[in-house]
Amino acid sequence: MKKIITIIILAAISAASYAQKADDILGIYYCVDPFSKKQSQAQIYKAADGTYEAKVVWTNDIKGQDQVGLVFMKGLTYNAKENEYQNGKIKYPGKNGTYKAYVRIVDGGKTLKMRGYLGVSLFGMTVDWKREDKVRPAPTK
């Protein structure tokens, strides 16, 4: 009986640590657009279906303020075995098509490496996002 209780407790602890690990991605990240070189912040949050999504919460481009609130990445799921977030879809503003994406957290949680690609991940680009504590103030004219 003691063995069964011990196994149940260990399973509960394991499940709790899995949930905490999966949610490590939640937060605000700063990034520089690899094409336009404009700066922005994205917030990664948990969607109602349990996947992870990202939306624009700040941009240094006064003309780009209409993109604040835009959800551009959806469907990320955590794969504990691979220690990465997979199955994401990215819609890049101003570009046609939808890209596949996966994400890895590195540098003790300070950096997120997001890889967007078409077809095979070999044909893509990795962009580093740096974790930040809060959303930056909107730029003024």
Protein backbone atom coordinates (compact mmCIF):
# COMPACT_ATOMS: atom_id res chain seq x y z
CA MET A 1 0.00 0.00 0.00
CA LYS A 2 2.85 2.38 0.85
CA LYS A 3 4.35 1.75 -2.60
CA ILE A 4 1.09 2.67 -4.34
CA ILE A 5 0.79 5.90 -2.34
CA THR A 6 4.42 6.75 -3.09
CA ILE A 7 3.87 6.14 -6.80
CA ILE A 8 0.76 8.33 -6.81
CA ILE A 9 2.61 11.15 -5.02
CA LEU A 10 5.57 10.92 -7.42
CA ALA A 11 3.23 10.94 -10.41
CA ALA A 12 1.47 14.05 -9.09
CA ILE A 13 4.80 15.81 -8.51
CA SER A 14 5.95 14.81 -11.99
CA ALA A 15 2.75 16.16 -13.57
CA ALA A 16 3.08 19.42 -11.64
CA SER A 17 6.68 19.89 -12.74
CA TYR A 18 5.68 19.20 -16.36
CA ALA A 19 3.04 21.94 -16.24
CA GLN A 20 5.51 24.38 -14.74
CA LYS A 21 8.09 23.55 -17.38
CA ALA A 22 5.61 23.99 -20.22
CA ASP A 23 4.55 27.40 -18.89
CA ASP A 24 8.15 28.64 -18.73
CA ILE A 25 7.55 30.20 -22.14
CA LEU A 26 4.95 32.65 -20.82
CA GLY A 27 6.05 36.28 -20.79
CA ILE A 28 7.15 39.38 -22.68
CA TYR A 29 9.95 39.17 -25.25
CA TYR A 30 11.88 41.81 -27.18
CA CYS A 31 12.89 41.11 -30.77
CA VAL A 32 14.22 42.82 -33.87
CA ASP A 33 12.46 42.02 -37.14
CA PRO A 34 15.00 40.22 -39.36
CA PHE A 35 13.60 41.87 -42.51
CA SER A 36 12.73 45.46 -41.56
CA LYS A 37 15.02 45.72 -38.47
CA LYS A 38 12.13 47.30 -36.53
CA GLN A 39 11.96 46.59 -32.83
CA SER A 40 8.98 45.05 -31.11
CA GLN A 41 7.82 43.11 -28.09
CA ALA A 42 5.67 40.01 -28.17
CA GLN A 43 3.68 38.48 -25.35
CA ILE A 44 3.42 34.71 -25.25
CA TYR A 45 0.33 33.49 -23.43
CA LYS A 46 -1.68 30.32 -23.04
CA ALA A 47 -4.72 30.10 -25.32
CA ALA A 48 -8.07 28.66 -24.27
CA ASP A 49 -7.24 25.37 -26.04
CA GLY A 50 -4.03 24.92 -23.99
CA THR A 51 -1.63 25.83 -26.81
CA TYR A 52 0.60 28.89 -26.72
CA GLU A 53 0.13 32.01 -28.82
CA ALA A 54 2.05 35.26 -29.33
CA LYS A 55 0.79 38.75 -29.99
CA VAL A 56 2.48 42.09 -30.60
CA VAL A 57 2.32 44.29 -27.48
CA TRP A 58 4.79 47.05 -28.44
CA THR A 59 6.59 48.37 -31.48
CA ASN A 60 9.01 51.28 -31.86
CA ASP A 61 7.46 52.09 -35.24
CA ILE A 62 4.89 54.87 -34.89
CA LYS A 63 3.31 53.83 -38.20
CA GLY A 64 3.15 50.22 -37.02
CA GLN A 65 1.00 50.90 -33.95
CA ASP A 66 -1.95 49.25 -35.72
CA GLN A 67 -0.11 45.93 -35.30
CA VAL A 68 -0.25 46.13 -31.49
CA GLY A 69 -2.62 43.36 -30.42
CA LEU A 70 -2.03 41.31 -33.58
CA VAL A 71 -1.85 37.57 -32.82
CA PHE A 72 0.84 36.34 -35.19
CA MET A 73 1.80 32.94 -33.77
CA LYS A 74 -0.60 30.16 -32.76
CA GLY A 75 -0.68 26.48 -31.95
CA LEU A 76 2.59 25.97 -30.07
CA THR A 77 2.55 22.82 -27.96
CA TYR A 78 5.21 21.76 -25.48
CA ASN A 79 7.11 18.55 -26.17
CA ALA A 80 8.79 17.59 -22.89
CA LYS A 81 10.86 14.84 -24.50
CA GLU A 82 12.40 17.28 -27.00
CA ASN A 83 12.30 20.20 -24.53
CA GLU A 84 10.84 22.47 -27.20
CA TYR A 85 7.59 24.02 -28.33
CA GLN A 86 6.39 22.64 -31.65
CA ASN A 87 3.60 22.77 -34.23
CA GLY A 88 3.38 26.56 -34.23
CA LYS A 89 2.06 28.59 -37.15
CA ILE A 90 3.29 32.13 -37.86
CA LYS A 91 1.61 34.72 -40.01
CA TYR A 92 4.17 37.39 -40.81
CA PRO A 93 2.53 40.80 -41.37
CA GLY A 94 3.03 41.98 -44.92
CA LYS A 95 4.12 38.59 -46.27
CA ASN A 96 2.02 35.96 -47.98
CA GLY A 97 1.62 32.51 -46.51
CA THR A 98 1.89 30.90 -43.13
CA TYR A 99 5.14 29.59 -41.72
CA LYS A 100 5.67 26.62 -39.43
CA ALA A 101 7.52 27.33 -36.19
CA TYR A 102 9.19 25.77 -33.22
CA VAL A 103 10.69 27.44 -30.18
CA ARG A 104 13.41 26.63 -27.68
CA ILE A 105 14.16 28.44 -24.44
CA VAL A 106 17.88 28.87 -23.74
CA ASP A 107 20.23 30.89 -21.57
CA GLY A 108 18.43 30.02 -18.34
CA GLY A 109 15.10 31.29 -19.66
CA LYS A 110 16.46 34.68 -20.78
CA THR A 111 16.38 33.92 -24.51
CA LEU A 112 13.84 32.30 -26.76
CA LYS A 113 15.01 30.94 -30.12
CA MET A 114 12.12 30.96 -32.57
CA ARG A 115 12.59 29.16 -35.88
CA GLY A 116 10.16 29.90 -38.68
CA TYR A 117 10.27 27.88 -41.89
CA LEU A 118 8.44 26.70 -44.97
CA GLY A 119 8.21 22.95 -45.51
CA VAL A 120 11.41 21.67 -43.87
CA SER A 121 13.11 23.50 -40.98
CA LEU A 122 16.31 23.56 -43.03
CA PHE A 123 14.66 26.28 -45.14
CA GLY A 124 14.00 28.87 -42.49
CA MET A 125 15.34 31.46 -40.12
CA THR A 126 15.96 31.55 -36.39
CA VAL A 127 15.33 34.77 -34.49
CA ASP A 128 16.39 35.38 -30.90
CA TRP A 129 13.87 36.99 -28.57
CA LYS A 130 15.08 38.39 -25.24
CA ARG A 131 12.86 38.11 -22.17
CA GLU A 132 11.83 41.43 -20.61
CA ASP A 133 9.93 42.26 -17.43
CA LYS A 134 7.32 44.64 -18.79
CA VAL A 135 5.84 46.19 -21.91
CA ARG A 136 7.70 49.27 -23.08
CA PRO A 137 5.87 52.62 -23.38
CA ALA A 138 4.37 53.47 -26.78
CA PRO A 139 6.55 55.75 -28.93
CA THR A 140 5.56 59.36 -29.27
CA LYS A 141 5.54 61.41 -32.45
